[in-house]
N, C-alpha and C. Protein backbone atom coordinates (compact mmCIF):
# COMPACT_ATOMS: atom_id res chain seq x y z
N MET A 1 28.04 -91.75 -22.75
CA MET A 1 28.56 -93.23 -23.68
C MET A 1 27.87 -92.94 -24.83
N ARG A 2 26.43 -92.67 -24.81
CA ARG A 2 25.52 -92.71 -26.30
C ARG A 2 26.27 -91.52 -27.15
N ILE A 3 26.59 -90.17 -26.63
CA ILE A 3 27.08 -89.19 -27.48
C ILE A 3 28.35 -89.44 -28.02
N GLU A 4 29.22 -90.36 -27.36
CA GLU A 4 30.39 -90.74 -27.81
C GLU A 4 30.01 -91.61 -28.92
N THR A 5 29.42 -92.28 -28.74
CA THR A 5 28.81 -93.56 -29.59
C THR A 5 28.36 -92.61 -31.27
N ARG A 6 27.62 -91.95 -31.04
CA ARG A 6 27.00 -91.18 -32.17
C ARG A 6 28.08 -90.18 -32.67
N ALA A 7 28.90 -90.03 -31.86
CA ALA A 7 30.05 -88.88 -32.59
C ALA A 7 31.05 -89.82 -33.26
N GLY A 8 30.94 -91.40 -32.93
CA GLY A 8 31.97 -92.01 -33.47
C GLY A 8 33.45 -92.26 -33.22
N ASN A 9 33.29 -91.66 -31.32
CA ASN A 9 34.78 -91.11 -30.79
C ASN A 9 34.86 -92.30 -30.19
N ARG A 10 35.68 -93.26 -30.96
CA ARG A 10 35.63 -94.77 -30.30
C ARG A 10 36.65 -94.52 -28.99
N GLN A 11 37.69 -93.90 -28.76
CA GLN A 11 38.61 -93.64 -27.74
C GLN A 11 37.68 -93.07 -26.66
N ARG A 12 37.14 -92.38 -26.81
CA ARG A 12 36.34 -91.47 -25.45
C ARG A 12 35.33 -92.54 -25.02
N LEU A 13 34.88 -93.25 -25.93
CA LEU A 13 34.00 -94.15 -25.45
C LEU A 13 34.41 -95.22 -24.52
N ARG A 14 35.53 -95.64 -25.20
CA ARG A 14 36.49 -96.67 -24.30
C ARG A 14 36.77 -96.20 -22.91
N THR A 15 37.30 -94.88 -22.78
CA THR A 15 37.90 -93.94 -21.68
C THR A 15 36.41 -94.15 -20.60
N ALA A 16 35.31 -93.92 -21.33
CA ALA A 16 34.34 -93.61 -20.28
C ALA A 16 34.25 -94.96 -19.94
N ILE A 17 33.96 -95.96 -20.72
CA ILE A 17 33.31 -96.98 -20.05
C ILE A 17 34.51 -97.75 -19.12
N THR A 18 35.87 -97.78 -19.18
CA THR A 18 36.99 -97.89 -18.47
C THR A 18 36.95 -97.17 -16.90
N ARG A 19 36.49 -96.15 -17.49
CA ARG A 19 36.42 -95.18 -16.07
C ARG A 19 35.45 -95.35 -14.82
N VAL A 20 33.82 -95.83 -15.61
CA VAL A 20 33.00 -96.05 -14.93
C VAL A 20 33.19 -97.29 -13.98
N GLN A 21 33.79 -98.47 -14.94
CA GLN A 21 34.05 -99.71 -14.30
C GLN A 21 35.18 -99.79 -13.34
N GLN A 22 36.08 -98.90 -13.42
CA GLN A 22 37.16 -98.35 -12.47
C GLN A 22 36.62 -98.10 -10.93
N VAL A 23 35.66 -96.96 -11.49
CA VAL A 23 34.74 -96.30 -10.16
C VAL A 23 34.20 -97.49 -8.87
N ASN A 24 33.16 -98.32 -10.28
CA ASN A 24 32.65 -99.28 -9.39
C ASN A 24 33.39 -100.14 -8.66
N ARG A 25 34.55 -100.83 -9.42
CA ARG A 25 35.40 -101.37 -8.70
C ARG A 25 35.90 -100.89 -7.22
N ALA A 26 36.62 -99.43 -7.46
CA ALA A 26 37.00 -98.80 -6.19
C ALA A 26 35.87 -99.00 -5.18
N LEU A 27 34.76 -98.94 -5.70
CA LEU A 27 33.71 -98.59 -4.18
C LEU A 27 32.84 -100.04 -4.26
N ASP A 28 33.81 -100.86 -4.76
CA ASP A 28 33.27 -102.18 -4.52
C ASP A 28 31.60 -102.77 -4.81
N CYS A 29 31.30 -102.39 -5.60
CA CYS A 29 29.62 -102.15 -6.14
C CYS A 29 29.69 -102.70 -7.83
N SER A 30 28.49 -103.02 -7.99
CA SER A 30 28.28 -103.81 -9.42
C SER A 30 27.81 -102.35 -10.23
N LEU A 31 27.72 -102.61 -11.25
CA LEU A 31 27.55 -101.50 -12.50
C LEU A 31 25.39 -101.81 -12.20
N GLU A 32 24.96 -100.68 -12.61
CA GLU A 32 23.65 -100.53 -12.56
C GLU A 32 23.05 -101.22 -13.48
N ASN A 33 21.72 -101.90 -13.71
CA ASN A 33 21.25 -102.69 -14.73
C ASN A 33 21.50 -101.92 -16.10
N GLU A 34 20.91 -100.67 -15.82
CA GLU A 34 20.82 -99.65 -16.96
C GLU A 34 22.32 -99.38 -17.67
N THR A 35 23.12 -99.42 -16.86
CA THR A 35 24.87 -99.21 -17.33
C THR A 35 25.28 -100.15 -18.09
N GLU A 36 25.14 -101.57 -17.58
CA GLU A 36 25.54 -102.67 -18.04
C GLU A 36 25.12 -102.93 -19.73
N GLN A 37 23.49 -102.49 -19.64
CA GLN A 37 22.77 -102.79 -20.92
C GLN A 37 23.46 -101.43 -22.01
N LEU A 38 23.67 -100.44 -21.68
CA LEU A 38 24.36 -99.43 -22.48
C LEU A 38 25.70 -99.87 -22.77
N ILE A 39 26.33 -100.36 -22.28
CA ILE A 39 27.62 -100.49 -22.37
C ILE A 39 27.34 -102.00 -23.70
N ASN A 40 26.64 -102.67 -23.44
CA ASN A 40 25.93 -104.14 -24.28
C ASN A 40 25.26 -103.59 -25.07
N ASP A 41 25.30 -102.30 -25.92
CA ASP A 41 24.05 -102.05 -26.66
C ASP A 41 24.69 -102.17 -27.57
N PRO A 42 24.08 -102.50 -28.76
CA PRO A 42 24.56 -102.92 -30.59
C PRO A 42 25.14 -101.90 -31.09
N LEU A 43 24.86 -100.72 -30.85
CA LEU A 43 25.77 -99.57 -31.57
C LEU A 43 27.23 -99.24 -30.61
N ILE A 44 27.04 -99.43 -29.63
CA ILE A 44 28.55 -99.29 -28.63
C ILE A 44 29.29 -100.44 -29.02
N ARG A 45 28.79 -101.80 -28.90
CA ARG A 45 29.49 -102.61 -29.63
C ARG A 45 30.24 -102.95 -30.56
N ASP A 46 29.32 -102.38 -31.65
CA ASP A 46 29.85 -102.31 -33.17
C ASP A 46 31.22 -101.11 -33.16
N LEU A 47 30.82 -100.11 -32.28
CA LEU A 47 31.92 -99.13 -32.40
C LEU A 47 33.11 -99.79 -31.75
N LEU A 48 32.83 -100.11 -30.83
CA LEU A 48 34.22 -100.73 -30.02
C LEU A 48 34.83 -101.86 -30.83
N ASP A 49 34.10 -102.56 -31.25
CA ASP A 49 34.55 -103.64 -32.02
C ASP A 49 35.17 -103.76 -33.47
N ASN A 50 34.42 -102.76 -34.09
CA ASN A 50 34.67 -102.60 -35.80
C ASN A 50 35.31 -100.84 -36.00
N GLY A 51 34.91 -100.02 -35.01
CA GLY A 51 35.50 -98.87 -35.43
C GLY A 51 34.73 -97.70 -35.79
N TYR A 52 33.33 -98.51 -36.07
CA TYR A 52 32.08 -97.43 -36.93
C TYR A 52 31.00 -97.89 -36.30
N VAL A 53 29.73 -96.80 -36.85
CA VAL A 53 28.34 -97.19 -36.30
C VAL A 53 27.57 -97.72 -37.51
N GLN A 54 27.16 -98.81 -37.64
CA GLN A 54 26.37 -98.82 -38.90
C GLN A 54 25.20 -98.44 -38.76
């Protein structure tokens, strides 16, 4: 996720986040704290919300 964020690759970032969430739902387990923090990282949120990293 960090690599895709730095590369500005919005679609692949969305795909990676979605896939992690799908796997965890299928396994009936929650995300690790570090993964949740990464998904909510301001750089990642900025890319997803605005299409670019400031």
